[in-house]
């Protein structure tokens, strides 16, 4: 029974963190569109690539890193053991409009794949629960970073 509660709340909080729900009021954020996808969808490539100071991370780099984490989660969830490249996950400091559109599209598709995985998952062992909590917390952290950078682009 506890796993049903875990799954229910994961399927409630992930959409909120990703800004992919129509909730008028959120549990964590002001509303269901205030998350990652809802925020980055309002930006063009120039704004996403703008660093607050030279050498600082950008919304594009946080978005690319978040995608990398999501892809790792998906790979591990499919029983794979991928090689990691944490420094490489930050490579997208600056993007043109085509690359920004592609990055946002990949984020959305990977998010949908993860929701599908969570929705279909019946067995929740400790490893999968831990990976899900790490994903949720890590994405929430990067949402905060994106929101801070977003406020400086407005």
C-alpha atoms as a PDB file:
ATOM      1  CA  UNK A   1       0.000   0.000   0.000  1.00  0.00           C
ATOM      2  CA  UNK A   2       2.844   2.426   0.790  1.00  0.00           C
ATOM      3  CA  UNK A   3       4.141   2.075  -2.771  1.00  0.00           C
ATOM      4  CA  UNK A   4       0.779   3.254  -4.088  1.00  0.00           C
ATOM      5  CA  UNK A   5       1.156   6.438  -2.041  1.00  0.00           C
ATOM      6  CA  UNK A   6       4.717   6.885  -3.263  1.00  0.00           C
ATOM      7  CA  UNK A   7       3.634   6.507  -6.890  1.00  0.00           C
ATOM      8  CA  UNK A   8       0.640   8.825  -6.393  1.00  0.00           C
ATOM      9  CA  UNK A   9       2.820  11.612  -4.995  1.00  0.00           C
ATOM     10  CA  UNK A  10       5.576  11.110  -7.527  1.00  0.00           C
ATOM     11  CA  UNK A  11       2.963  11.466 -10.289  1.00  0.00           C
ATOM     12  CA  UNK A  12       1.690  14.611  -8.547  1.00  0.00           C
ATOM     13  CA  UNK A  13       5.018  16.330  -7.872  1.00  0.00           C
ATOM     14  CA  UNK A  14       6.920  15.525 -11.085  1.00  0.00           C
ATOM     15  CA  UNK A  15       4.348  17.309 -13.281  1.00  0.00           C
ATOM     16  CA  UNK A  16       4.430  20.288 -10.950  1.00  0.00           C
ATOM     17  CA  UNK A  17       8.240  20.518 -10.955  1.00  0.00           C
ATOM     18  CA  UNK A  18       8.178  20.273 -14.739  1.00  0.00           C
ATOM     19  CA  UNK A  19       5.375  22.817 -15.143  1.00  0.00           C
ATOM     20  CA  UNK A  20       3.228  20.373 -17.046  1.00  0.00           C
ATOM     21  CA  UNK A  21      -0.038  20.496 -15.132  1.00  0.00           C
ATOM     22  CA  UNK A  22      -2.998  22.809 -15.082  1.00  0.00           C
ATOM     23  CA  UNK A  23      -3.180  23.026 -11.282  1.00  0.00           C
ATOM     24  CA  UNK A  24      -4.316  26.461 -10.197  1.00  0.00           C
ATOM     25  CA  UNK A  25      -2.288  26.166  -6.992  1.00  0.00           C
ATOM     26  CA  UNK A  26       0.662  23.869  -6.532  1.00  0.00           C
ATOM     27  CA  UNK A  27       2.040  21.953  -3.591  1.00  0.00           C
ATOM     28  CA  UNK A  28       5.535  23.331  -4.194  1.00  0.00           C
ATOM     29  CA  UNK A  29       5.106  26.114  -6.762  1.00  0.00           C
ATOM     30  CA  UNK A  30       2.598  28.888  -7.308  1.00  0.00           C
ATOM     31  CA  UNK A  31       0.790  26.988 -10.059  1.00  0.00           C
ATOM     32  CA  UNK A  32       1.083  23.993 -12.341  1.00  0.00           C
ATOM     33  CA  UNK A  33       2.857  25.885 -15.140  1.00  0.00           C
ATOM     34  CA  UNK A  34       5.610  27.440 -13.001  1.00  0.00           C
ATOM     35  CA  UNK A  35       7.986  24.472 -13.377  1.00  0.00           C
ATOM     36  CA  UNK A  36      10.860  23.711 -15.733  1.00  0.00           C
ATOM     37  CA  UNK A  37       8.992  23.192 -19.013  1.00  0.00           C
ATOM     38  CA  UNK A  38       6.511  25.954 -18.296  1.00  0.00           C
ATOM     39  CA  UNK A  39       9.370  28.357 -17.606  1.00  0.00           C
ATOM     40  CA  UNK A  40      11.736  27.496 -20.442  1.00  0.00           C
ATOM     41  CA  UNK A  41       8.928  27.469 -22.994  1.00  0.00           C
ATOM     42  CA  UNK A  42       8.618  31.240 -22.475  1.00  0.00           C
ATOM     43  CA  UNK A  43      12.242  31.907 -23.457  1.00  0.00           C
ATOM     44  CA  UNK A  44      14.046  32.236 -26.740  1.00  0.00           C
ATOM     45  CA  UNK A  45      17.579  30.935 -27.292  1.00  0.00           C
ATOM     46  CA  UNK A  46      19.224  34.298 -26.579  1.00  0.00           C
ATOM     47  CA  UNK A  47      17.583  34.556 -23.156  1.00  0.00           C
ATOM     48  CA  UNK A  48      18.361  30.891 -22.375  1.00  0.00           C
ATOM     49  CA  UNK A  49      22.024  31.482 -23.284  1.00  0.00           C
ATOM     50  CA  UNK A  50      22.469  34.686 -21.285  1.00  0.00           C
ATOM     51  CA  UNK A  51      24.883  34.248 -18.369  1.00  0.00           C
ATOM     52  CA  UNK A  52      24.578  36.575 -15.363  1.00  0.00           C
ATOM     53  CA  UNK A  53      28.368  36.926 -15.442  1.00  0.00           C
ATOM     54  CA  UNK A  54      31.130  35.540 -17.665  1.00  0.00           C
ATOM     55  CA  UNK A  55      31.613  31.815 -17.222  1.00  0.00           C
ATOM     56  CA  UNK A  56      28.421  31.338 -15.186  1.00  0.00           C
ATOM     57  CA  UNK A  57      25.904  28.642 -15.980  1.00  0.00           C
ATOM     58  CA  UNK A  58      22.925  29.578 -18.136  1.00  0.00           C
ATOM     59  CA  UNK A  59      19.345  28.385 -18.374  1.00  0.00           C
ATOM     60  CA  UNK A  60      20.440  26.389 -21.423  1.00  0.00           C
ATOM     61  CA  UNK A  61      23.214  24.654 -19.463  1.00  0.00           C
ATOM     62  CA  UNK A  62      20.900  23.865 -16.526  1.00  0.00           C
ATOM     63  CA  UNK A  63      18.336  22.542 -18.993  1.00  0.00           C
ATOM     64  CA  UNK A  64      20.926  20.339 -20.704  1.00  0.00           C
ATOM     65  CA  UNK A  65      22.184  19.038 -17.381  1.00  0.00           C
ATOM     66  CA  UNK A  66      18.616  18.278 -16.267  1.00  0.00           C
ATOM     67  CA  UNK A  67      18.006  16.378 -19.508  1.00  0.00           C
ATOM     68  CA  UNK A  68      21.193  14.402 -18.895  1.00  0.00           C
ATOM     69  CA  UNK A  69      20.001  13.414 -15.412  1.00  0.00           C
ATOM     70  CA  UNK A  70      16.601  12.408 -16.777  1.00  0.00           C
ATOM     71  CA  UNK A  71      18.224  10.283 -19.485  1.00  0.00           C
ATOM     72  CA  UNK A  72      20.382   8.548 -16.860  1.00  0.00           C
ATOM     73  CA  UNK A  73      17.274   7.823 -14.799  1.00  0.00           C
ATOM     74  CA  UNK A  74      15.529   6.405 -17.886  1.00  0.00           C
ATOM     75  CA  UNK A  75      18.556   4.256 -18.771  1.00  0.00           C
ATOM     76  CA  UNK A  76      18.879   2.872 -15.243  1.00  0.00           C
ATOM     77  CA  UNK A  77      15.126   2.273 -15.119  1.00  0.00           C
ATOM     78  CA  UNK A  78      15.456   0.187 -18.279  1.00  0.00           C
ATOM     79  CA  UNK A  79      18.111  -1.956 -16.607  1.00  0.00           C
ATOM     80  CA  UNK A  80      21.064  -0.340 -18.383  1.00  0.00           C
ATOM     81  CA  UNK A  81      24.279   0.790 -16.704  1.00  0.00           C
ATOM     82  CA  UNK A  82      25.344   3.816 -18.769  1.00  0.00           C
ATOM     83  CA  UNK A  83      28.699   5.553 -18.619  1.00  0.00           C
ATOM     84  CA  UNK A  84      28.439   8.937 -16.939  1.00  0.00           C
ATOM     85  CA  UNK A  85      29.873  12.229 -18.117  1.00  0.00           C
ATOM     86  CA  UNK A  86      28.871  14.855 -15.551  1.00  0.00           C
ATOM     87  CA  UNK A  87      31.177  17.591 -16.930  1.00  0.00           C
ATOM     88  CA  UNK A  88      29.864  16.936 -20.448  1.00  0.00           C
ATOM     89  CA  UNK A  89      26.289  17.370 -19.248  1.00  0.00           C
ATOM     90  CA  UNK A  90      26.998  21.105 -18.858  1.00  0.00           C
ATOM     91  CA  UNK A  91      28.236  21.680 -22.420  1.00  0.00           C
ATOM     92  CA  UNK A  92      25.226  23.654 -23.672  1.00  0.00           C
ATOM     93  CA  UNK A  93      26.152  27.068 -22.257  1.00  0.00           C
ATOM     94  CA  UNK A  94      24.923  28.833 -25.371  1.00  0.00           C
ATOM     95  CA  UNK A  95      22.435  27.597 -27.962  1.00  0.00           C
ATOM     96  CA  UNK A  96      20.971  28.912 -31.186  1.00  0.00           C
ATOM     97  CA  UNK A  97      17.202  28.802 -31.695  1.00  0.00           C
ATOM     98  CA  UNK A  98      17.231  25.415 -33.465  1.00  0.00           C
ATOM     99  CA  UNK A  99      19.319  23.815 -30.701  1.00  0.00           C
ATOM    100  CA  UNK A 100      17.144  25.441 -28.011  1.00  0.00           C
ATOM    101  CA  UNK A 101      13.985  24.088 -29.668  1.00  0.00           C
ATOM    102  CA  UNK A 102      15.560  20.629 -29.867  1.00  0.00           C
ATOM    103  CA  UNK A 103      16.693  20.708 -26.225  1.00  0.00           C
ATOM    104  CA  UNK A 104      13.217  21.712 -25.033  1.00  0.00           C
ATOM    105  CA  UNK A 105      11.640  19.025 -27.210  1.00  0.00           C
ATOM    106  CA  UNK A 106      13.971  16.361 -25.791  1.00  0.00           C
ATOM    107  CA  UNK A 107      13.255  17.522 -22.241  1.00  0.00           C
ATOM    108  CA  UNK A 108       9.510  17.238 -22.850  1.00  0.00           C
ATOM    109  CA  UNK A 109       9.774  13.811 -24.535  1.00  0.00           C
ATOM    110  CA  UNK A 110      12.036  12.424 -21.802  1.00  0.00           C
ATOM    111  CA  UNK A 111       9.717  13.823 -19.128  1.00  0.00           C
ATOM    112  CA  UNK A 112       6.780  12.055 -20.849  1.00  0.00           C
ATOM    113  CA  UNK A 113       8.791   8.802 -20.990  1.00  0.00           C
ATOM    114  CA  UNK A 114       9.525   9.051 -17.272  1.00  0.00           C
ATOM    115  CA  UNK A 115       5.853   9.678 -16.453  1.00  0.00           C
ATOM    116  CA  UNK A 116       4.955   6.644 -18.553  1.00  0.00           C
ATOM    117  CA  UNK A 117       7.551   4.548 -16.701  1.00  0.00           C
ATOM    118  CA  UNK A 118       6.270   5.699 -13.296  1.00  0.00           C
ATOM    119  CA  UNK A 119       2.639   5.185 -14.286  1.00  0.00           C
ATOM    120  CA  UNK A 120       3.240   1.616 -15.451  1.00  0.00           C
ATOM    121  CA  UNK A 121       5.599   0.609 -12.642  1.00  0.00           C
ATOM    122  CA  UNK A 122       4.049  -1.822 -10.154  1.00  0.00           C
ATOM    123  CA  UNK A 123       7.091  -2.930  -8.150  1.00  0.00           C
ATOM    124  CA  UNK A 124       8.899  -0.186  -6.233  1.00  0.00           C
ATOM    125  CA  UNK A 125      12.046  -1.584  -4.674  1.00  0.00           C
ATOM    126  CA  UNK A 126      14.427   0.594  -2.691  1.00  0.00           C
ATOM    127  CA  UNK A 127      16.705   1.307  -5.676  1.00  0.00           C
ATOM    128  CA  UNK A 128      13.882   2.564  -7.884  1.00  0.00           C
ATOM    129  CA  UNK A 129      12.371   4.612  -5.061  1.00  0.00           C
ATOM    130  CA  UNK A 130      15.772   6.143  -4.257  1.00  0.00           C
ATOM    131  CA  UNK A 131      16.440   6.946  -7.923  1.00  0.00           C
ATOM    132  CA  UNK A 132      12.995   8.561  -8.189  1.00  0.00           C
ATOM    133  CA  UNK A 133      13.602  10.706  -5.110  1.00  0.00           C
ATOM    134  CA  UNK A 134      17.030  11.728  -6.418  1.00  0.00           C
ATOM    135  CA  UNK A 135      15.450  12.662  -9.754  1.00  0.00           C
ATOM    136  CA  UNK A 136      12.692  14.672  -8.074  1.00  0.00           C
ATOM    137  CA  UNK A 137      15.071  16.524  -5.751  1.00  0.00           C
ATOM    138  CA  UNK A 138      17.724  17.171  -8.386  1.00  0.00           C
ATOM    139  CA  UNK A 139      15.193  18.501 -10.895  1.00  0.00           C
ATOM    140  CA  UNK A 140      13.648  20.708  -8.192  1.00  0.00           C
ATOM    141  CA  UNK A 141      17.098  22.118  -7.439  1.00  0.00           C
ATOM    142  CA  UNK A 142      17.729  22.944 -11.110  1.00  0.00           C
ATOM    143  CA  UNK A 143      14.265  24.456 -11.394  1.00  0.00           C
ATOM    144  CA  UNK A 144      15.312  26.846  -8.602  1.00  0.00           C
ATOM    145  CA  UNK A 145      18.499  27.711 -10.473  1.00  0.00           C
ATOM    146  CA  UNK A 146      16.543  28.234 -13.701  1.00  0.00           C
ATOM    147  CA  UNK A 147      14.045  30.464 -11.891  1.00  0.00           C
ATOM    148  CA  UNK A 148      16.885  32.578 -10.458  1.00  0.00           C
ATOM    149  CA  UNK A 149      18.413  32.984 -13.898  1.00  0.00           C
ATOM    150  CA  UNK A 150      14.984  33.627 -15.409  1.00  0.00           C
ATOM    151  CA  UNK A 151      14.423  36.547 -13.060  1.00  0.00           C
ATOM    152  CA  UNK A 152      17.640  38.131 -14.339  1.00  0.00           C
ATOM    153  CA  UNK A 153      16.557  37.753 -18.003  1.00  0.00           C
ATOM    154  CA  UNK A 154      13.253  39.590 -17.542  1.00  0.00           C
END
